[in-house]
């Protein structure tokens, strides 16, 4: 995956990261956008980043939305499912509850709020660097992803292992989906960025893990 300049781009894709608080969503995003890692405090409301990349020979502008995992912010984030081309469900491989909540909470939210029928979904097990603390096997993650029709990867935001690959595989799948390409054409870019302006009524964005 190569970085692209801020100028012209072929497509704009909106990617959403969801999952329980503390699973590493913001750390994944930080690792992907700036190649650094921090133990970050929980996101308040929604955080937003943009990254220019070249994938599959296309110049892409990725609008990356990092949502708060806490229950009290759930109503704030419902609107941010709208128009998402890709959704990454993140869990912590060392915390089993964050994995069971994928089916109990997050998959149900996608069903309720996602507006793109062909939206590409990916399940990501984070924190595989904590080898001795693993509570969810890779096979369980694969089985869940297969059941829900999702892509699957395990990664570590801390070591940056597989982080780029997560986003690259998701975007390549989006590029293979004609309806999402139509949605991601430059003609609809204003809709995605107008949503970012609406965040002014929500609590100030922070950074999450």
Foldseek 3Di string as FASTA:
>chain_A
DAFDDPDDFFFEAEEEEAFAFPLCQLLLVCCQAPVAGDQFAFKFAKDWDWTWGAAPNTTYIYIYIYGGRDPVNVVSCLQVLELHQEYEYEGEQLDVVRVVCCVVPVLVSCVVRHPDPNRAYEYEHEDVVPVVRGDHDPVNQVVVCVVSVHHYDYAYSHVSGCSNVRVNVNVVVSVVDVVSSVSGGPVNVVVNVVVVVVCPVGPDTTGGD
